[in-house]
Amino acid sequence: MPTVKPAPLLCKPDFPEAAARWEAYLAGDLIDRPVVCVTAPRPGAGVPAPWQHYGYRERVFDDIDGLLDRVLAHAEATFYGGEAIPAFLPSIAADEIAVFTGAELRWSPDSPDTNWAVPYVEDWEAALPLRLHEDGPMWQRMLALVRRAAERLAGRMLIQPLDWHTNMDLLSAIRGPQRLCLDLLERPELIDRAMTSARSLFPILWDAIRTAGRMDEWGYTQGLYSPTGTSNLACDFAALIGPRMFRRWVLPALEEEAALVGHAYFHWDGPDALKHMPDLLASPYFHTIGYVPGKIAVDGSGDRHPRYIALYQAIQAAGKSVHVWGTPDELMYMHRHLRPEKTLYTTTVTTQAEAEALLDWFTRHT
């Protein structure tokens, strides 16, 4: 694998300095402050267009070059402070992996910012083995989007891997979560086979996307940054099962994926998934855990990261790092309680001056 030497990006001139802090973070070390990702509108650039201008529907249906024009315009209007990295996420759906195996995309005006797959498995015996539909229109669209993005955005911003909802999230998407829950109880031997089939797809998908995105050439970013490999991993369905089933089916698949991507970030989704904490902390495969609290209201109230300080301290005591986000005040509060070399902070502010002041605060208080 070639060695990536981070060079300044058009949308982030201080990328080499940020890459050095990321390298220290991944090694469990510290330069002068924690890793802090803070974004703001650039002075004089106006407010960057909302991400929906190149959201799921646009990534599926819009002209690719026109879409990438908007992606780049948004990045050029954004100040990427600290370790924030301009990057394009090409994902087309929460259930896109299911779509790549033959499922139909489901669109709903009630959920304009996301979409789902229509389950298609009526009989596991007939559906297995699962396969990537390499000639399918959605997979071909994805490859075309990632390849063109790698050409257009090279030297300006990075390309992220997909929003992986593989392993049991894939089974849930193609079978339906309720029916899958019954299958786990009634036909576990079939789920063994289905999971083996699902796990066989991830190396194929990973290699195709990282190659199309020229990630070995420019580096990897998704939650974390690494020149040699990183990605977010997830299994949201794990909230519906207990630890025994998690250990049988989900954890081995996640660990297999983590070993392939390198520095793995685990997207730990919601309070119902907290029961898997002992297994996650005992696993050596996850570098950073990003716990997603419960529902947050439009006004910002509700379940917020500072409520979980004890949880994050326990994760760090087990040797892992945590990703927390919130307002600058919330980040400064959490910094007083968390280990700086094992915490990744993310926030957004309204001006570049505010972003620079926050970075200075972290430097002075570390």
Protein backbone atom coordinates (compact mmCIF):
# COMPACT_ATOMS: atom_id res chain seq x y z
CA MET A 1 0.00 0.00 0.00
CA PRO A 2 1.45 3.40 -0.95
CA THR A 3 2.29 5.83 1.82
CA VAL A 4 0.08 8.92 1.77
CA LYS A 5 1.88 12.16 2.54
CA PRO A 6 -0.87 14.64 3.41
CA ALA A 7 -0.57 17.83 1.37
CA PRO A 8 -2.60 21.01 1.73
CA LEU A 9 -6.11 20.72 0.31
CA LEU A 10 -7.74 23.58 -1.53
CA CYS A 11 -10.57 23.51 1.01
CA LYS A 12 -8.20 22.93 3.96
CA PRO A 13 -4.72 24.46 3.59
CA ASP A 14 -3.63 23.27 7.06
CA PHE A 15 -4.43 19.63 6.29
CA PRO A 16 -0.87 18.38 7.07
CA GLU A 17 -1.07 19.88 10.57
CA ALA A 18 -4.48 18.31 11.11
CA ALA A 19 -3.20 14.95 9.84
CA ALA A 20 -0.40 15.04 12.43
CA ARG A 21 -2.94 15.47 15.25
CA TRP A 22 -5.04 12.65 13.82
CA GLU A 23 -1.94 10.43 13.76
CA ALA A 24 -1.28 11.20 17.42
CA TYR A 25 -4.92 10.52 18.32
CA LEU A 26 -4.95 7.15 16.59
CA ALA A 27 -1.78 6.22 18.49
CA GLY A 28 -3.39 7.21 21.81
CA ASP A 29 -1.10 10.24 22.06
CA LEU A 30 -1.51 14.01 22.21
CA ILE A 31 0.32 16.94 20.63
CA ASP A 32 -1.05 20.02 22.38
CA ARG A 33 -4.81 19.54 22.60
CA PRO A 34 -7.49 16.97 21.77
CA VAL A 35 -8.71 16.42 18.26
CA VAL A 36 -11.36 19.09 17.67
CA CYS A 37 -13.46 19.29 14.50
CA VAL A 38 -15.17 22.67 14.23
CA THR A 39 -16.77 24.19 11.15
CA ALA A 40 -18.16 27.63 10.34
CA PRO A 41 -19.04 29.72 7.30
CA ARG A 42 -15.99 31.37 5.75
CA PRO A 43 -15.93 35.18 6.04
CA GLY A 44 -17.55 36.76 3.03
CA ALA A 45 -18.67 33.40 1.61
CA GLY A 46 -22.23 33.58 2.87
CA VAL A 47 -23.96 30.72 4.61
CA PRO A 48 -23.07 27.38 2.97
CA ALA A 49 -26.03 25.74 1.24
CA PRO A 50 -27.66 23.01 3.34
CA TRP A 51 -26.44 19.47 2.73
CA GLN A 52 -29.86 18.56 1.29
CA HIS A 53 -28.74 20.32 -1.91
CA TYR A 54 -26.76 17.15 -2.51
CA GLY A 55 -28.71 14.73 -0.32
CA TYR A 56 -29.85 11.16 -0.96
CA ARG A 57 -32.34 11.94 -3.73
CA GLU A 58 -29.91 14.25 -5.51
CA ARG A 59 -27.15 11.63 -5.37
CA VAL A 60 -29.48 9.16 -7.06
CA PHE A 61 -31.14 11.32 -9.71
CA ASP A 62 -29.17 14.53 -10.37
CA ASP A 63 -26.52 15.12 -12.99
CA ILE A 64 -23.29 14.03 -11.30
CA ASP A 65 -21.18 17.01 -12.33
CA GLY A 66 -23.88 19.46 -11.28
CA LEU A 67 -24.14 17.66 -7.95
CA LEU A 68 -20.38 17.83 -7.42
CA ASP A 69 -20.40 21.53 -8.32
CA ARG A 70 -22.70 22.08 -5.31
CA VAL A 71 -20.62 19.81 -3.08
CA LEU A 72 -17.49 21.81 -3.89
CA ALA A 73 -19.27 25.16 -3.52
CA HIS A 74 -20.44 24.13 -0.04
CA ALA A 75 -16.91 23.06 0.94
CA GLU A 76 -15.34 26.26 -0.40
CA ALA A 77 -17.82 28.30 1.66
CA THR A 78 -16.95 26.39 4.85
CA PHE A 79 -14.08 26.94 7.29
CA TYR A 80 -12.77 23.55 8.42
CA GLY A 81 -11.14 24.31 11.74
CA GLY A 82 -8.89 22.09 13.78
CA GLU A 83 -9.08 18.52 12.55
CA ALA A 84 -12.30 18.91 10.53
CA ILE A 85 -11.72 17.59 7.02
CA PRO A 86 -13.69 18.52 3.89
CA ALA A 87 -15.09 15.26 2.57
CA PHE A 88 -17.90 14.03 0.35
CA LEU A 89 -20.13 11.17 1.52
CA PRO A 90 -21.55 9.45 -1.60
CA SER A 91 -24.14 7.28 0.16
CA ILE A 92 -27.57 7.13 -1.48
CA ALA A 93 -29.67 5.51 1.26
CA ALA A 94 -29.61 4.17 4.79
CA ASP A 95 -30.36 0.77 3.25
CA GLU A 96 -28.14 1.17 0.21
CA ILE A 97 -26.35 -2.14 0.74
CA ALA A 98 -29.72 -3.88 0.50
CA VAL A 99 -30.40 -1.95 -2.70
CA PHE A 100 -27.11 -3.16 -4.14
CA THR A 101 -28.30 -6.75 -3.55
CA GLY A 102 -31.54 -6.18 -5.47
CA ALA A 103 -33.90 -4.32 -3.15
CA GLU A 104 -35.99 -1.40 -4.40
CA LEU A 105 -35.48 2.07 -2.92
CA ARG A 106 -38.45 3.35 -0.93
CA TRP A 107 -39.06 7.11 -0.97
CA SER A 108 -41.52 8.90 1.29
CA PRO A 109 -42.53 12.58 1.56
CA ASP A 110 -42.82 11.94 5.31
CA SER A 111 -39.07 11.25 5.48
CA PRO A 112 -37.47 13.62 2.96
CA ASP A 113 -33.95 13.40 4.40
CA THR A 114 -33.59 9.65 4.11
CA ASN A 115 -35.01 6.60 2.36
CA TRP A 116 -35.22 2.87 2.89
CA ALA A 117 -35.33 -0.43 1.02
CA VAL A 118 -38.37 -2.55 0.27
CA PRO A 119 -37.79 -5.98 1.90
CA TYR A 120 -37.71 -8.77 -0.65
CA VAL A 121 -36.89 -11.98 1.24
CA GLU A 122 -39.91 -14.25 1.57
CA ASP A 123 -37.92 -17.47 1.83
CA TRP A 124 -34.31 -17.50 3.03
CA GLU A 125 -33.65 -20.80 1.26
CA ALA A 126 -34.55 -19.20 -2.06
CA ALA A 127 -32.80 -15.89 -1.33
CA LEU A 128 -29.40 -17.30 -0.33
CA PRO A 129 -26.66 -16.77 -1.16
CA LEU A 130 -26.89 -13.00 -1.24
CA ARG A 131 -24.98 -11.36 -4.05
CA LEU A 132 -23.96 -7.94 -5.21
CA HIS A 133 -25.89 -7.04 -8.38
CA GLU A 134 -22.87 -5.68 -10.21
CA ASP A 135 -24.92 -4.64 -13.24
CA GLY A 136 -27.71 -3.13 -11.15
CA PRO A 137 -28.50 0.54 -11.90
CA MET A 138 -27.98 1.73 -8.33
CA TRP A 139 -24.59 0.03 -7.96
CA GLN A 140 -23.47 1.36 -11.33
CA ARG A 141 -24.67 4.83 -10.32
CA MET A 142 -22.68 4.58 -7.09
CA LEU A 143 -19.49 3.56 -8.86
CA ALA A 144 -19.92 6.36 -11.41
CA LEU A 145 -20.53 8.91 -8.63
CA VAL A 146 -17.51 7.83 -6.56
CA ARG A 147 -15.16 7.67 -9.56
CA ARG A 148 -16.22 11.08 -10.83
CA ALA A 149 -16.00 12.55 -7.34
CA ALA A 150 -12.46 11.23 -7.00
CA GLU A 151 -11.55 12.99 -10.26
CA ARG A 152 -13.32 16.28 -9.59
CA LEU A 153 -12.47 16.67 -5.91
CA ALA A 154 -8.86 15.44 -5.93
CA GLY A 155 -6.64 17.92 -4.12
CA ARG A 156 -9.70 19.78 -2.84
CA MET A 157 -11.44 17.38 -0.46
CA LEU A 158 -11.54 13.66 0.34
CA ILE A 159 -14.07 10.95 -0.48
CA GLN A 160 -15.68 9.04 2.36
CA PRO A 161 -16.59 5.35 2.29
CA LEU A 162 -20.28 4.45 2.30
CA ASP A 163 -22.63 4.62 5.27
CA TRP A 164 -22.16 0.92 5.95
CA HIS A 165 -25.27 -0.82 7.25
CA THR A 166 -24.03 -4.30 6.50
CA ASN A 167 -24.13 -7.58 8.50
CA MET A 168 -27.45 -7.83 10.37
CA ASP A 169 -28.63 -4.38 9.27
CA LEU A 170 -28.53 -5.79 5.74
CA LEU A 171 -30.62 -8.80 6.78
CA SER A 172 -33.11 -6.50 8.50
CA ALA A 173 -33.44 -4.36 5.37
CA ILE A 174 -34.11 -7.25 3.01
CA ARG A 175 -36.34 -9.29 5.35
CA GLY A 176 -37.95 -6.59 7.51
CA PRO A 177 -37.05 -6.13 11.19
CA GLN A 178 -40.15 -7.79 12.65
CA ARG A 179 -39.85 -10.90 10.50
CA LEU A 180 -36.12 -11.08 11.14
CA CYS A 181 -36.73 -11.01 14.90
CA LEU A 182 -38.99 -14.05 14.52
CA ASP A 183 -36.41 -15.80 12.33
CA LEU A 184 -33.74 -15.35 15.01
CA LEU A 185 -35.93 -17.29 17.43
CA GLU A 186 -37.49 -19.83 15.11
CA ARG A 187 -34.79 -20.58 12.52
CA PRO A 188 -31.41 -19.57 13.92
CA GLU A 189 -29.55 -22.05 11.71
CA LEU A 190 -30.82 -20.18 8.64
CA ILE A 191 -29.62 -16.91 10.14
CA ASP A 192 -26.18 -18.49 10.55
CA ARG A 193 -26.16 -19.07 6.79
CA ALA A 194 -27.61 -15.65 6.00
CA MET A 195 -25.00 -13.89 8.11
CA THR A 196 -22.19 -15.87 6.49
CA SER A 197 -23.52 -14.74 3.12
CA ALA A 198 -23.89 -11.12 4.24
CA ARG A 199 -20.37 -11.06 5.66
CA SER A 200 -18.94 -12.27 2.35
CA LEU A 201 -20.18 -9.09 0.65
CA PHE A 202 -18.34 -6.55 2.78
CA PRO A 203 -14.79 -7.15 1.41
CA ILE A 204 -16.15 -6.86 -2.14
CA LEU A 205 -17.95 -3.59 -1.41
CA TRP A 206 -15.06 -2.14 0.59
CA ASP A 207 -12.47 -2.83 -2.09
CA ALA A 208 -14.69 -1.47 -4.85
CA ILE A 209 -15.48 1.81 -3.08
CA ARG A 210 -11.99 2.53 -1.75
CA THR A 211 -10.54 1.83 -5.20
CA ALA A 212 -13.12 3.98 -7.00
CA GLY A 213 -12.51 6.78 -4.47
CA ARG A 214 -8.71 6.58 -4.81
CA MET A 215 -8.48 6.40 -1.02
CA ASP A 216 -5.06 4.74 -0.99
CA GLU A 217 -3.83 7.79 -2.89
CA TRP A 218 -5.52 10.58 -0.89
CA GLY A 219 -6.34 9.00 2.47
CA TYR A 220 -9.42 7.79 4.31
CA THR A 221 -11.84 9.78 6.41
CA GLN A 222 -15.16 8.93 8.02
CA GLY A 223 -15.49 9.90 11.64
CA LEU A 224 -11.70 9.50 11.83
CA TYR A 225 -8.87 10.28 9.41
CA SER A 226 -6.08 7.88 8.51
CA PRO A 227 -3.80 7.65 5.47
CA THR A 228 -4.00 3.85 5.59
CA GLY A 229 -7.63 3.01 6.33
CA THR A 230 -10.62 3.92 8.46
CA SER A 231 -14.39 3.76 8.31
CA ASN A 232 -17.54 3.96 10.39
CA LEU A 233 -19.15 0.62 11.19
CA ALA A 234 -22.61 0.05 12.60
CA CYS A 235 -25.39 -2.35 13.43
CA ASP A 236 -28.47 -0.40 14.45
CA PHE A 237 -30.51 -3.63 14.56
CA ALA A 238 -28.44 -4.63 17.60
CA ALA A 239 -30.77 -2.48 19.72
CA LEU A 240 -33.47 -5.14 19.13
CA ILE A 241 -31.49 -8.17 20.31
CA GLY A 242 -29.84 -9.29 23.52
CA PRO A 243 -26.15 -9.91 24.26
CA ARG A 244 -26.27 -13.63 23.43
CA MET A 245 -27.53 -13.00 19.91
CA PHE A 246 -25.17 -10.04 19.55
CA ARG A 247 -22.20 -12.27 20.37
CA ARG A 248 -23.38 -15.03 18.06
CA TRP A 249 -24.13 -13.00 14.95
CA VAL A 250 -23.25 -9.33 15.11
CA LEU A 251 -19.98 -8.95 17.00
CA PRO A 252 -17.98 -11.42 14.83
CA ALA A 253 -19.19 -9.63 11.69
CA LEU A 254 -18.29 -6.19 13.04
CA GLU A 255 -14.85 -7.38 14.13
CA GLU A 256 -14.25 -8.89 10.71
CA GLU A 257 -15.15 -5.57 9.07
CA ALA A 258 -13.01 -3.62 11.55
CA ALA A 259 -9.98 -5.77 10.84
CA LEU A 260 -10.37 -5.01 7.13
CA VAL A 261 -10.86 -1.22 7.34
CA GLY A 262 -8.08 -0.56 9.85
CA HIS A 263 -8.94 2.14 12.38
CA ALA A 264 -12.59 1.40 13.09
CA TYR A 265 -15.14 3.88 14.41
CA PHE A 266 -18.24 2.23 15.87
CA HIS A 267 -21.55 4.08 15.50
CA TRP A 268 -23.33 3.05 18.74
CA ASP A 269 -26.93 4.01 18.14
CA GLY A 270 -29.23 4.85 21.03
CA PRO A 271 -29.96 3.87 24.62
CA ASP A 272 -31.41 0.48 23.65
CA ALA A 273 -27.95 -0.57 22.44
CA LEU A 274 -26.21 0.14 25.76
CA LYS A 275 -26.70 -3.49 26.84
CA HIS A 276 -23.87 -4.46 24.45
CA MET A 277 -21.31 -2.29 26.22
CA PRO A 278 -19.37 -5.16 27.88
CA ASP A 279 -18.85 -6.91 24.54
CA LEU A 280 -17.86 -3.73 22.72
CA LEU A 281 -15.36 -2.74 25.40
CA ALA A 282 -13.85 -6.23 25.51
CA SER A 283 -13.26 -6.26 21.76
CA PRO A 284 -9.82 -5.06 20.59
CA TYR A 285 -11.11 -4.08 17.15
CA PHE A 286 -12.79 -0.68 17.74
CA HIS A 287 -10.68 2.43 18.20
CA THR A 288 -13.36 5.07 18.72
CA ILE A 289 -16.96 4.70 19.86
CA GLY A 290 -19.48 7.35 18.89
CA TYR A 291 -22.48 6.94 21.14
CA VAL A 292 -25.69 8.50 19.80
CA PRO A 293 -27.95 9.63 22.66
CA GLY A 294 -31.72 9.42 22.55
CA LYS A 295 -34.09 11.84 20.90
CA ILE A 296 -33.01 15.47 20.68
CA ALA A 297 -35.74 18.06 20.18
CA VAL A 298 -35.66 20.73 17.48
CA ASP A 299 -34.78 23.33 20.09
CA GLY A 300 -31.73 21.30 21.12
CA SER A 301 -33.19 20.01 24.36
CA GLY A 302 -33.44 16.35 25.29
CA ASP A 303 -30.76 13.70 25.55
CA ARG A 304 -27.37 15.41 25.28
CA HIS A 305 -23.80 14.13 25.47
CA PRO A 306 -22.91 15.78 28.81
CA ARG A 307 -25.43 13.46 30.51
CA TYR A 308 -23.21 10.51 29.63
CA ILE A 309 -19.90 11.58 31.16
CA ALA A 310 -19.77 8.45 33.34
CA LEU A 311 -20.32 6.27 30.25
CA TYR A 312 -17.53 7.97 28.34
CA GLN A 313 -15.18 7.69 31.30
CA ALA A 314 -15.88 3.95 31.44
CA ILE A 315 -15.17 3.59 27.72
CA GLN A 316 -11.89 5.46 28.10
CA ALA A 317 -10.94 3.39 31.16
CA ALA A 318 -11.29 0.32 28.93
CA GLY A 319 -8.70 1.79 26.57
CA LYS A 320 -10.97 3.12 23.84
CA SER A 321 -11.62 6.65 22.60
CA VAL A 322 -14.95 8.45 22.42
CA HIS A 323 -16.53 10.87 19.98
CA VAL A 324 -18.75 13.55 21.50
CA TRP A 325 -20.50 16.51 19.93
CA GLY A 326 -22.61 19.45 21.00
CA THR A 327 -22.38 23.19 21.54
CA PRO A 328 -19.00 24.78 22.34
CA ASP A 329 -20.10 25.20 25.96
CA GLU A 330 -20.97 21.50 26.15
CA LEU A 331 -17.60 20.55 24.67
CA MET A 332 -15.72 22.75 27.14
CA TYR A 333 -17.66 21.19 30.01
CA MET A 334 -16.91 17.64 28.85
CA HIS A 335 -13.23 18.48 28.36
CA ARG A 336 -12.95 19.00 32.11
CA HIS A 337 -14.01 15.38 32.70
CA LEU A 338 -12.58 13.37 29.80
CA ARG A 339 -9.09 12.27 28.82
CA PRO A 340 -7.88 14.60 26.06
CA GLU A 341 -5.88 11.99 24.17
CA LYS A 342 -8.94 9.73 23.97
CA THR A 343 -11.64 12.24 23.03
CA LEU A 344 -12.74 13.49 19.62
CA TYR A 345 -14.86 16.67 19.75
CA THR A 346 -17.17 17.98 17.02
CA THR A 347 -19.15 21.21 16.83
CA THR A 348 -20.35 23.94 14.49
CA VAL A 349 -20.21 27.68 15.16
CA THR A 350 -21.39 30.76 13.30
CA THR A 351 -18.06 32.47 12.50
CA GLN A 352 -14.47 31.53 11.78
CA ALA A 353 -13.38 33.76 14.66
CA GLU A 354 -15.50 31.68 17.08
CA ALA A 355 -13.97 28.50 15.72
CA GLU A 356 -10.43 29.81 16.18
CA ALA A 357 -11.24 31.03 19.70
CA LEU A 358 -12.55 27.57 20.62
CA LEU A 359 -9.39 25.89 19.34
CA ASP A 360 -7.30 28.35 21.33
CA TRP A 361 -9.35 27.58 24.45
CA PHE A 362 -8.68 23.85 24.08
CA THR A 363 -4.96 24.50 23.65
CA ARG A 364 -4.81 26.68 26.78
CA HIS A 365 -6.86 24.25 28.88
CA THR A 366 -5.16 20.98 27.95
